[in-house]
Amino acid sequence: AALDEEWESFAAEAGRLRHQLRREAQGGVGGAAFAFVEGALVQAVREGHWLLLDEVNLAAPETLQRVAGLLEAGGPPPLLRPGGAA
């Protein structure tokens, strides 16, 4: 019963998104809008919180290089500092 309700909710949300995308494709107002949302890593760096990266050793080498850059002596990259200032 609960699973049926979740699927019905999902179907309703998908229908609303389909409607928004159709309106946008037709040049209408109020189409889909997307926004960048900071993830847990960025929030932890900005706010000075701890972050547990479970099984980070399984990440791609490129990802590990970026995470290692956060640990270097110079501190986090300027975009991750409060206010985004260098």
PDB file of N, CA and C in Angstrom:
ATOM      1  N   ALA A   1       0.826  -1.197   0.000  1.00  0.00           N
ATOM      2  CA  ALA A   1       0.000   0.000   0.000  1.00  0.00           C
ATOM      3  C   ALA A   1       0.867   1.256   0.000  1.00  0.00           C
ATOM      4  N   ALA A   2       1.897   1.262   0.854  1.00  0.00           N
ATOM      5  CA  ALA A   2       2.775   2.437   0.919  1.00  0.00           C
ATOM      6  C   ALA A   2       3.552   2.596  -0.380  1.00  0.00           C
ATOM      7  N   LEU A   3       3.944   1.465  -0.962  1.00  0.00           N
ATOM      8  CA  LEU A   3       4.688   1.526  -2.219  1.00  0.00           C
ATOM      9  C   LEU A   3       3.800   2.067  -3.340  1.00  0.00           C
ATOM     10  N   ASP A   4       2.540   1.665  -3.341  1.00  0.00           N
ATOM     11  CA  ASP A   4       1.600   2.187  -4.342  1.00  0.00           C
ATOM     12  C   ASP A   4       1.457   3.700  -4.222  1.00  0.00           C
ATOM     13  N   GLU A   5       1.397   4.199  -2.978  1.00  0.00           N
ATOM     14  CA  GLU A   5       1.276   5.643  -2.761  1.00  0.00           C
ATOM     15  C   GLU A   5       2.520   6.367  -3.248  1.00  0.00           C
ATOM     16  N   GLU A   6       3.698   5.779  -3.008  1.00  0.00           N
ATOM     17  CA  GLU A   6       4.940   6.411  -3.477  1.00  0.00           C
ATOM     18  C   GLU A   6       4.969   6.476  -4.999  1.00  0.00           C
ATOM     19  N   TRP A   7       4.535   5.404  -5.669  1.00  0.00           N
ATOM     20  CA  TRP A   7       4.517   5.404  -7.132  1.00  0.00           C
ATOM     21  C   TRP A   7       3.509   6.419  -7.665  1.00  0.00           C
ATOM     22  N   GLU A   8       2.361   6.525  -7.007  1.00  0.00           N
ATOM     23  CA  GLU A   8       1.372   7.512  -7.433  1.00  0.00           C
ATOM     24  C   GLU A   8       1.917   8.924  -7.285  1.00  0.00           C
ATOM     25  N   SER A   9       2.626   9.183  -6.192  1.00  0.00           N
ATOM     26  CA  SER A   9       3.237  10.490  -5.972  1.00  0.00           C
ATOM     27  C   SER A   9       4.295  10.765  -7.035  1.00  0.00           C
ATOM     28  N   PHE A  10       5.109   9.755  -7.332  1.00  0.00           N
ATOM     29  CA  PHE A  10       6.138   9.901  -8.362  1.00  0.00           C
ATOM     30  C   PHE A  10       5.511  10.188  -9.719  1.00  0.00           C
ATOM     31  N   ALA A  11       4.442   9.454 -10.048  1.00  0.00           N
ATOM     32  CA  ALA A  11       3.762   9.651 -11.329  1.00  0.00           C
ATOM     33  C   ALA A  11       3.186  11.060 -11.422  1.00  0.00           C
ATOM     34  N   ALA A  12       2.649  11.569 -10.326  1.00  0.00           N
ATOM     35  CA  ALA A  12       2.102  12.928 -10.326  1.00  0.00           C
ATOM     36  C   ALA A  12       3.204  13.953 -10.548  1.00  0.00           C
ATOM     37  N   GLU A  13       4.344  13.776  -9.878  1.00  0.00           N
ATOM     38  CA  GLU A  13       5.463  14.700 -10.061  1.00  0.00           C
ATOM     39  C   GLU A  13       5.993  14.639 -11.488  1.00  0.00           C
ATOM     40  N   ALA A  14       6.083  13.439 -12.047  1.00  0.00           N
ATOM     41  CA  ALA A  14       6.549  13.291 -13.429  1.00  0.00           C
ATOM     42  C   ALA A  14       5.583  13.978 -14.385  1.00  0.00           C
ATOM     43  N   GLY A  15       4.307  13.878 -14.118  1.00  0.00           N
ATOM     44  CA  GLY A  15       3.317  14.549 -14.956  1.00  0.00           C
ATOM     45  C   GLY A  15       3.452  16.060 -14.907  1.00  0.00           C
ATOM     46  N   ARG A  16       3.693  16.595 -13.709  1.00  0.00           N
ATOM     47  CA  ARG A  16       3.890  18.049 -13.584  1.00  0.00           C
ATOM     48  C   ARG A  16       5.142  18.500 -14.337  1.00  0.00           C
ATOM     49  N   LEU A  17       6.208  17.726 -14.226  1.00  0.00           N
ATOM     50  CA  LEU A  17       7.445  18.075 -14.938  1.00  0.00           C
ATOM     51  C   LEU A  17       7.225  18.006 -16.443  1.00  0.00           C
ATOM     52  N   ARG A  18       6.533  16.973 -16.910  1.00  0.00           N
ATOM     53  CA  ARG A  18       6.239  16.843 -18.338  1.00  0.00           C
ATOM     54  C   ARG A  18       5.459  18.059 -18.826  1.00  0.00           C
ATOM     55  N   HIS A  19       4.484  18.493 -18.046  1.00  0.00           N
ATOM     56  CA  HIS A  19       3.673  19.665 -18.400  1.00  0.00           C
ATOM     57  C   HIS A  19       4.548  20.924 -18.474  1.00  0.00           C
ATOM     58  N   GLN A  20       5.428  21.110 -17.486  1.00  0.00           N
ATOM     59  CA  GLN A  20       6.318  22.276 -17.478  1.00  0.00           C
ATOM     60  C   GLN A  20       7.231  22.262 -18.696  1.00  0.00           C
ATOM     61  N   LEU A  21       7.787  21.106 -19.023  1.00  0.00           N
ATOM     62  CA  LEU A  21       8.701  21.018 -20.164  1.00  0.00           C
ATOM     63  C   LEU A  21       7.977  21.293 -21.473  1.00  0.00           C
ATOM     64  N   ARG A  22       6.742  20.836 -21.586  1.00  0.00           N
ATOM     65  CA  ARG A  22       5.963  21.130 -22.791  1.00  0.00           C
ATOM     66  C   ARG A  22       5.719  22.625 -22.931  1.00  0.00           C
ATOM     67  N   ARG A  23       5.347  23.289 -21.815  1.00  0.00           N
ATOM     68  CA  ARG A  23       5.109  24.735 -21.857  1.00  0.00           C
ATOM     69  C   ARG A  23       6.379  25.476 -22.247  1.00  0.00           C
ATOM     70  N   GLU A  24       7.526  25.035 -21.698  1.00  0.00           N
ATOM     71  CA  GLU A  24       8.785  25.703 -22.035  1.00  0.00           C
ATOM     72  C   GLU A  24       9.126  25.496 -23.500  1.00  0.00           C
ATOM     73  N   ALA A  25       8.899  24.301 -24.012  1.00  0.00           N
ATOM     74  CA  ALA A  25       9.194  24.008 -25.416  1.00  0.00           C
ATOM     75  C   ALA A  25       8.322  24.852 -26.342  1.00  0.00           C
ATOM     76  N   GLN A  26       7.139  25.217 -25.893  1.00  0.00           N
ATOM     77  CA  GLN A  26       6.235  26.034 -26.695  1.00  0.00           C
ATOM     78  C   GLN A  26       6.463  27.523 -26.455  1.00  0.00           C
ATOM     79  N   GLY A  27       7.511  27.868 -25.714  1.00  0.00           N
ATOM     80  CA  GLY A  27       7.830  29.262 -25.475  1.00  0.00           C
ATOM     81  C   GLY A  27       7.021  29.896 -24.373  1.00  0.00           C
ATOM     82  N   GLY A  28       6.394  29.094 -23.576  1.00  0.00           N
ATOM     83  CA  GLY A  28       5.564  29.620 -22.492  1.00  0.00           C
ATOM     84  C   GLY A  28       6.390  30.075 -21.307  1.00  0.00           C
ATOM     85  N   VAL A  29       5.725  30.736 -20.404  1.00  0.00           N
ATOM     86  CA  VAL A  29       6.359  31.231 -19.183  1.00  0.00           C
ATOM     87  C   VAL A  29       6.181  30.180 -18.096  1.00  0.00           C
ATOM     88  N   GLY A  30       7.128  30.121 -17.186  1.00  0.00           N
ATOM     89  CA  GLY A  30       6.989  29.207 -16.063  1.00  0.00           C
ATOM     90  C   GLY A  30       7.462  27.805 -16.365  1.00  0.00           C
ATOM     91  N   GLY A  31       8.376  27.680 -17.302  1.00  0.00           N
ATOM     92  CA  GLY A  31       8.912  26.367 -17.625  1.00  0.00           C
ATOM     93  C   GLY A  31       9.801  25.853 -16.501  1.00  0.00           C
ATOM     94  N   ALA A  32      10.520  24.820 -16.798  1.00  0.00           N
ATOM     95  CA  ALA A  32      11.382  24.204 -15.790  1.00  0.00           C
ATOM     96  C   ALA A  32      12.494  25.162 -15.389  1.00  0.00           C
ATOM     97  N   ALA A  33      12.797  25.167 -14.131  1.00  0.00           N
ATOM     98  CA  ALA A  33      13.880  26.005 -13.616  1.00  0.00           C
ATOM     99  C   ALA A  33      14.836  25.106 -12.837  1.00  0.00           C
ATOM    100  N   PHE A  34      16.106  25.318 -13.041  1.00  0.00           N
ATOM    101  CA  PHE A  34      17.116  24.525 -12.361  1.00  0.00           C
ATOM    102  C   PHE A  34      18.030  25.447 -11.588  1.00  0.00           C
ATOM    103  N   ALA A  35      18.511  24.960 -10.454  1.00  0.00           N
ATOM    104  CA  ALA A  35      19.393  25.772  -9.625  1.00  0.00           C
ATOM    105  C   ALA A  35      20.514  24.889  -9.086  1.00  0.00           C
ATOM    106  N   PHE A  36      21.680  25.469  -8.919  1.00  0.00           N
ATOM    107  CA  PHE A  36      22.800  24.761  -8.316  1.00  0.00           C
ATOM    108  C   PHE A  36      22.574  24.664  -6.815  1.00  0.00           C
ATOM    109  N   VAL A  37      22.736  23.483  -6.291  1.00  0.00           N
ATOM    110  CA  VAL A  37      22.601  23.255  -4.856  1.00  0.00           C
ATOM    111  C   VAL A  37      23.916  22.670  -4.365  1.00  0.00           C
ATOM    112  N   GLU A  38      24.528  23.340  -3.400  1.00  0.00           N
ATOM    113  CA  GLU A  38      25.807  22.856  -2.888  1.00  0.00           C
ATOM    114  C   GLU A  38      25.627  21.501  -2.217  1.00  0.00           C
ATOM    115  N   GLY A  39      26.587  20.626  -2.427  1.00  0.00           N
ATOM    116  CA  GLY A  39      26.558  19.314  -1.813  1.00  0.00           C
ATOM    117  C   GLY A  39      27.177  19.337  -0.423  1.00  0.00           C
ATOM    118  N   ALA A  40      27.216  18.166   0.190  1.00  0.00           N
ATOM    119  CA  ALA A  40      27.719  18.030   1.560  1.00  0.00           C
ATOM    120  C   ALA A  40      29.191  18.409   1.662  1.00  0.00           C
ATOM    121  N   LEU A  41      29.998  18.080   0.652  1.00  0.00           N
ATOM    122  CA  LEU A  41      31.429  18.394   0.702  1.00  0.00           C
ATOM    123  C   LEU A  41      31.651  19.904   0.719  1.00  0.00           C
ATOM    124  N   VAL A  42      30.998  20.619  -0.173  1.00  0.00           N
ATOM    125  CA  VAL A  42      31.162  22.076  -0.248  1.00  0.00           C
ATOM    126  C   VAL A  42      30.678  22.727   1.046  1.00  0.00           C
ATOM    127  N   GLN A  43      29.538  22.282   1.548  1.00  0.00           N
ATOM    128  CA  GLN A  43      29.018  22.847   2.798  1.00  0.00           C
ATOM    129  C   GLN A  43      29.975  22.595   3.954  1.00  0.00           C
ATOM    130  N   ALA A  44      30.528  21.396   4.038  1.00  0.00           N
ATOM    131  CA  ALA A  44      31.449  21.072   5.129  1.00  0.00           C
ATOM    132  C   ALA A  44      32.705  21.937   5.056  1.00  0.00           C
ATOM    133  N   VAL A  45      33.236  22.134   3.855  1.00  0.00           N
ATOM    134  CA  VAL A  45      34.440  22.964   3.703  1.00  0.00           C
ATOM    135  C   VAL A  45      34.131  24.412   4.068  1.00  0.00           C
ATOM    136  N   ARG A  46      33.015  24.934   3.575  1.00  0.00           N
ATOM    137  CA  ARG A  46      32.653  26.330   3.864  1.00  0.00           C
ATOM    138  C   ARG A  46      32.452  26.580   5.348  1.00  0.00           C
ATOM    139  N   GLU A  47      31.822  25.616   6.035  1.00  0.00           N
ATOM    140  CA  GLU A  47      31.445  25.820   7.428  1.00  0.00           C
ATOM    141  C   GLU A  47      32.437  25.223   8.417  1.00  0.00           C
ATOM    142  N   GLY A  48      33.510  24.617   7.897  1.00  0.00           N
ATOM    143  CA  GLY A  48      34.534  24.058   8.770  1.00  0.00           C
ATOM    144  C   GLY A  48      34.104  22.803   9.506  1.00  0.00           C
ATOM    145  N   HIS A  49      33.163  22.066   8.935  1.00  0.00           N
ATOM    146  CA  HIS A  49      32.684  20.845   9.575  1.00  0.00           C
ATOM    147  C   HIS A  49      33.477  19.630   9.116  1.00  0.00           C
ATOM    148  N   TRP A  50      33.392  18.581   9.901  1.00  0.00           N
ATOM    149  CA  TRP A  50      33.985  17.308   9.524  1.00  0.00           C
ATOM    150  C   TRP A  50      33.085  16.647   8.498  1.00  0.00           C
ATOM    151  N   LEU A  51      33.693  15.828   7.639  1.00  0.00           N
ATOM    152  CA  LEU A  51      32.920  15.079   6.662  1.00  0.00           C
ATOM    153  C   LEU A  51      33.541  13.701   6.523  1.00  0.00           C
ATOM    154  N   LEU A  52      32.747  12.667   6.695  1.00  0.00           N
ATOM    155  CA  LEU A  52      33.210  11.296   6.556  1.00  0.00           C
ATOM    156  C   LEU A  52      33.023  10.875   5.104  1.00  0.00           C
ATOM    157  N   LEU A  53      34.130  10.558   4.450  1.00  0.00           N
ATOM    158  CA  LEU A  53      34.085  10.102   3.063  1.00  0.00           C
ATOM    159  C   LEU A  53      34.277   8.588   3.071  1.00  0.00           C
ATOM    160  N   ASP A  54      33.200   7.884   3.296  1.00  0.00           N
ATOM    161  CA  ASP A  54      33.236   6.426   3.400  1.00  0.00           C
ATOM    162  C   ASP A  54      33.628   5.812   2.057  1.00  0.00           C
ATOM    163  N   GLU A  55      34.591   4.910   2.081  1.00  0.00           N
ATOM    164  CA  GLU A  55      35.085   4.202   0.907  1.00  0.00           C
ATOM    165  C   GLU A  55      35.571   5.144  -0.193  1.00  0.00           C
ATOM    166  N   VAL A  56      36.169   6.257   0.218  1.00  0.00           N
ATOM    167  CA  VAL A  56      36.675   7.229  -0.758  1.00  0.00           C
ATOM    168  C   VAL A  56      37.778   6.616  -1.624  1.00  0.00           C
ATOM    169  N   ASN A  57      38.418   5.575  -1.109  1.00  0.00           N
ATOM    170  CA  ASN A  57      39.467   4.925  -1.883  1.00  0.00           C
ATOM    171  C   ASN A  57      38.918   4.280  -3.162  1.00  0.00           C
ATOM    172  N   LEU A  58      37.619   4.107  -3.265  1.00  0.00           N
ATOM    173  CA  LEU A  58      37.012   3.531  -4.465  1.00  0.00           C
ATOM    174  C   LEU A  58      36.677   4.594  -5.512  1.00  0.00           C
ATOM    175  N   ALA A  59      36.907   5.846  -5.187  1.00  0.00           N
ATOM    176  CA  ALA A  59      36.590   6.941  -6.123  1.00  0.00           C
ATOM    177  C   ALA A  59      37.592   6.956  -7.270  1.00  0.00           C
ATOM    178  N   ALA A  60      37.204   7.618  -8.334  1.00  0.00           N
ATOM    179  CA  ALA A  60      38.081   7.770  -9.497  1.00  0.00           C
ATOM    180  C   ALA A  60      39.313   8.580  -9.111  1.00  0.00           C
ATOM    181  N   PRO A  61      40.449   8.328  -9.754  1.00  0.00           N
ATOM    182  CA  PRO A  61      41.677   9.079  -9.433  1.00  0.00           C
ATOM    183  C   PRO A  61      41.497  10.593  -9.528  1.00  0.00           C
ATOM    184  N   GLU A  62      40.707  11.049 -10.501  1.00  0.00           N
ATOM    185  CA  GLU A  62      40.482  12.494 -10.657  1.00  0.00           C
ATOM    186  C   GLU A  62      39.774  13.062  -9.426  1.00  0.00           C
ATOM    187  N   THR A  63      38.830  12.311  -8.900  1.00  0.00           N
ATOM    188  CA  THR A  63      38.101  12.745  -7.708  1.00  0.00           C
ATOM    189  C   THR A  63      39.036  12.804  -6.515  1.00  0.00           C
ATOM    190  N   LEU A  64      39.883  11.802  -6.375  1.00  0.00           N
ATOM    191  CA  LEU A  64      40.829  11.769  -5.256  1.00  0.00           C
ATOM    192  C   LEU A  64      41.801  12.949  -5.323  1.00  0.00           C
ATOM    193  N   GLN A  65      42.207  13.335  -6.537  1.00  0.00           N
ATOM    194  CA  GLN A  65      43.095  14.491  -6.683  1.00  0.00           C
ATOM    195  C   GLN A  65      42.414  15.754  -6.186  1.00  0.00           C
ATOM    196  N   ARG A  66      41.137  15.917  -6.501  1.00  0.00           N
ATOM    197  CA  ARG A  66      40.407  17.114  -6.067  1.00  0.00           C
ATOM    198  C   ARG A  66      40.234  17.131  -4.558  1.00  0.00           C
ATOM    199  N   VAL A  67      39.932  15.984  -3.964  1.00  0.00           N
ATOM    200  CA  VAL A  67      39.767  15.913  -2.514  1.00  0.00           C
ATOM    201  C   VAL A  67      41.101  16.175  -1.833  1.00  0.00           C
ATOM    202  N   ALA A  68      42.191  15.634  -2.386  1.00  0.00           N
ATOM    203  CA  ALA A  68      43.518  15.858  -1.813  1.00  0.00           C
ATOM    204  C   ALA A  68      43.882  17.334  -1.851  1.00  0.00           C
ATOM    205  N   GLY A  69      43.422  18.047  -2.881  1.00  0.00           N
ATOM    206  CA  GLY A  69      43.691  19.480  -2.988  1.00  0.00           C
ATOM    207  C   GLY A  69      43.101  20.266  -1.832  1.00  0.00           C
ATOM    208  N   LEU A  70      42.036  19.767  -1.239  1.00  0.00           N
ATOM    209  CA  LEU A  70      41.432  20.442  -0.096  1.00  0.00           C
ATOM    210  C   LEU A  70      42.299  20.337   1.156  1.00  0.00           C
ATOM    211  N   LEU A  71      43.180  19.344   1.182  1.00  0.00           N
ATOM    212  CA  LEU A  71      44.004  19.091   2.360  1.00  0.00           C
ATOM    213  C   LEU A  71      45.368  19.763   2.289  1.00  0.00           C
ATOM    214  N   GLU A  72      45.685  20.410   1.184  1.00  0.00           N
ATOM    215  CA  GLU A  72      46.990  21.048   1.023  1.00  0.00           C
ATOM    216  C   GLU A  72      47.124  22.253   1.939  1.00  0.00           C
ATOM    217  N   ALA A  73      48.352  22.664   2.176  1.00  0.00           N
ATOM    218  CA  ALA A  73      48.676  23.723   3.137  1.00  0.00           C
ATOM    219  C   ALA A  73      47.985  25.051   2.839  1.00  0.00           C
ATOM    220  N   GLY A  74      47.706  25.356   1.585  1.00  0.00           N
ATOM    221  CA  GLY A  74      47.097  26.632   1.221  1.00  0.00           C
ATOM    222  C   GLY A  74      45.633  26.741   1.596  1.00  0.00           C
ATOM    223  N   GLY A  75      45.041  25.669   2.064  1.00  0.00           N
ATOM    224  CA  GLY A  75      43.624  25.703   2.415  1.00  0.00           C
ATOM    225  C   GLY A  75      42.752  25.414   1.216  1.00  0.00           C
ATOM    226  N   PRO A  76      41.467  25.554   1.391  1.00  0.00           N
ATOM    227  CA  PRO A  76      40.551  25.246   0.295  1.00  0.00           C
ATOM    228  C   PRO A  76      40.680  26.255  -0.841  1.00  0.00           C
ATOM    229  N   PRO A  77      40.275  25.863  -2.044  1.00  0.00           N
ATOM    230  CA  PRO A  77      40.302  26.793  -3.177  1.00  0.00           C
ATOM    231  C   PRO A  77      39.446  28.020  -2.878  1.00  0.00           C
ATOM    232  N   PRO A  78      39.753  29.149  -3.496  1.00  0.00           N
ATOM    233  CA  PRO A  78      39.025  30.396  -3.208  1.00  0.00           C
ATOM    234  C   PRO A  78      37.506  30.284  -3.340  1.00  0.00           C
ATOM    235  N   LEU A  79      37.018  29.515  -4.284  1.00  0.00           N
ATOM    236  CA  LEU A  79      35.565  29.414  -4.452  1.00  0.00           C
ATOM    237  C   LEU A  79      34.887  28.729  -3.273  1.00  0.00           C
ATOM    238  N   LEU A  80      35.649  27.987  -2.474  1.00  0.00           N
ATOM    239  CA  LEU A  80      35.053  27.298  -1.337  1.00  0.00           C
ATOM    240  C   LEU A  80      35.217  28.079  -0.048  1.00  0.00           C
ATOM    241  N   ARG A  81      35.925  29.189  -0.093  1.00  0.00           N
ATOM    242  CA  ARG A  81      36.087  30.011   1.104  1.00  0.00           C
ATOM    243  C   ARG A  81      34.824  30.835   1.323  1.00  0.00           C
ATOM    244  N   PRO A  82      34.561  31.227   2.558  1.00  0.00           N
ATOM    245  CA  PRO A  82      33.358  32.028   2.823  1.00  0.00           C
ATOM    246  C   PRO A  82      33.282  33.239   1.907  1.00  0.00           C
ATOM    247  N   GLY A  83      32.165  33.426   1.280  1.00  0.00           N
ATOM    248  CA  GLY A  83      31.974  34.563   0.376  1.00  0.00           C
ATOM    249  C   GLY A  83      32.615  34.368  -0.979  1.00  0.00           C
ATOM    250  N   GLY A  84      33.318  33.250  -1.181  1.00  0.00           N
ATOM    251  CA  GLY A  84      33.948  32.975  -2.458  1.00  0.00           C
ATOM    252  C   GLY A  84      35.139  33.856  -2.739  1.00  0.00           C
ATOM    253  N   ALA A  85      35.651  34.546  -1.726  1.00  0.00           N
ATOM    254  CA  ALA A  85      36.780  35.462  -1.935  1.00  0.00           C
ATOM    255  C   ALA A  85      38.101  34.724  -1.791  1.00  0.00           C
ATOM    256  N   ALA A  86      39.089  35.182  -2.520  1.00  0.00           N
ATOM    257  CA  ALA A  86      40.425  34.581  -2.457  1.00  0.00           C
ATOM    258  C   ALA A  86      41.162  35.058  -1.225  1.00  0.00           C
TER     259      ALA A  86
END
